Amino acid sequence: MTYFWWIDVDPGADTIPLGVTRTTLSDEFGFVLQAGTDIAIGDSGFGLTIDAKRYFVDTTARWYSGDALAIETRHQLDPWVLSAGASYRF
């Protein structure tokens, strides 16, 4: 389970000439798949960590011209997030 919380969404450069003054994205719960592992490097306590996540979240985007809603669309977001790092166990 995941929660996408959009903090600050500004109108894009392509929408401003169309009169868009404000853009919002709906905060939503979604589903996430995750897999990863920690790999020890010798007996010194050092290691590597790798992780992959795939998110499945829907959001509603709204573009406003002044106080009037101009466009509302629904979007399916499904990004991959890959990460790697170093670790030390003490």
Protein backbone atom coordinates (compact mmCIF):
# COMPACT_ATOMS: atom_id res chain seq x y z
CA MET A 1 0.00 0.00 0.00
CA THR A 2 1.27 3.50 -0.81
CA TYR A 3 0.00 7.06 -0.58
CA PHE A 4 0.91 9.72 -3.14
CA TRP A 5 0.74 13.22 -1.64
CA TRP A 6 1.29 16.06 -4.12
CA ILE A 7 2.77 19.08 -2.35
CA ASP A 8 3.31 21.84 -4.92
CA VAL A 9 2.07 21.59 -8.50
CA ASP A 10 2.57 24.62 -10.73
CA PRO A 11 1.02 25.12 -14.18
CA GLY A 12 3.37 23.96 -16.93
CA ALA A 13 4.92 26.33 -19.45
CA ASP A 14 2.65 24.90 -22.17
CA THR A 15 -0.55 25.59 -20.20
CA ILE A 16 0.12 29.16 -19.03
CA PRO A 17 -0.46 30.68 -22.53
CA LEU A 18 -3.86 28.91 -22.52
CA GLY A 19 -4.89 30.88 -19.43
CA VAL A 20 -4.23 28.21 -16.80
CA THR A 21 -3.56 29.83 -13.43
CA ARG A 22 -3.60 26.80 -11.10
CA THR A 23 -3.04 23.05 -11.37
CA THR A 24 -3.92 20.36 -8.82
CA LEU A 25 -3.38 16.61 -8.57
CA SER A 26 -5.49 14.46 -6.22
CA ASP A 27 -3.75 12.69 -3.35
CA GLU A 28 -4.44 8.96 -3.65
CA PHE A 29 -3.77 5.55 -2.13
CA GLY A 30 -2.35 2.90 -4.43
CA PHE A 31 -0.57 -0.43 -4.61
CA VAL A 32 3.18 -1.05 -4.70
CA LEU A 33 5.27 -4.16 -5.41
CA GLN A 34 8.73 -4.22 -3.85
CA ALA A 35 11.73 -6.55 -3.93
CA GLY A 36 15.25 -6.06 -2.68
CA THR A 37 18.19 -7.61 -0.92
CA ASP A 38 21.20 -6.81 1.25
CA ILE A 39 24.53 -8.29 0.16
CA ALA A 40 27.34 -8.66 2.71
CA ILE A 41 30.85 -7.79 1.55
CA GLY A 42 33.21 -9.92 3.62
CA ASP A 43 33.09 -10.07 7.44
CA SER A 44 33.82 -6.38 8.10
CA GLY A 45 30.16 -5.33 8.37
CA PHE A 46 30.04 -3.53 5.03
CA GLY A 47 27.49 -4.41 2.39
CA LEU A 48 25.39 -3.33 -0.56
CA THR A 49 21.64 -2.96 -0.70
CA ILE A 50 19.52 -2.98 -3.85
CA ASP A 51 15.80 -2.42 -4.18
CA ALA A 52 13.16 -2.19 -6.93
CA LYS A 53 9.62 -0.86 -6.54
CA ARG A 54 6.73 -0.60 -9.00
CA TYR A 55 3.90 1.76 -8.06
CA PHE A 56 0.29 1.57 -9.28
CA VAL A 57 -1.59 4.79 -8.45
CA ASP A 58 -4.35 6.78 -10.15
CA THR A 59 -4.66 10.55 -9.83
CA THR A 60 -7.02 13.22 -11.10
CA ALA A 61 -5.41 16.30 -12.63
CA ARG A 62 -7.32 19.58 -12.71
CA TRP A 63 -6.41 22.77 -14.55
CA TYR A 64 -8.08 26.04 -13.55
CA SER A 65 -8.42 29.38 -15.28
CA GLY A 66 -9.03 31.74 -12.39
CA ASP A 67 -11.61 29.97 -10.22
CA ALA A 68 -13.18 28.07 -13.14
CA LEU A 69 -12.29 24.42 -13.79
CA ALA A 70 -11.03 24.24 -17.39
CA ILE A 71 -10.00 20.59 -17.75
CA GLU A 72 -10.14 17.47 -15.54
CA THR A 73 -8.40 14.24 -16.53
CA ARG A 74 -7.66 10.89 -14.84
CA HIS A 75 -4.13 9.45 -15.03
CA GLN A 76 -2.70 6.03 -14.20
CA LEU A 77 0.80 6.29 -12.76
CA ASP A 78 2.99 3.18 -12.75
CA PRO A 79 6.63 4.27 -12.29
CA TRP A 80 9.56 2.03 -11.42
CA VAL A 81 11.86 3.21 -8.61
CA LEU A 82 15.28 1.55 -8.47
CA SER A 83 17.74 2.23 -5.67
CA ALA A 84 21.10 1.01 -4.46
CA GLY A 85 23.19 1.91 -1.45
CA ALA A 86 26.00 1.02 0.88
CA SER A 87 25.41 -0.37 4.35
CA TYR A 88 27.41 -0.96 7.50
CA ARG A 89 26.38 -3.29 10.28
CA PHE A 90 27.86 -2.58 13.72
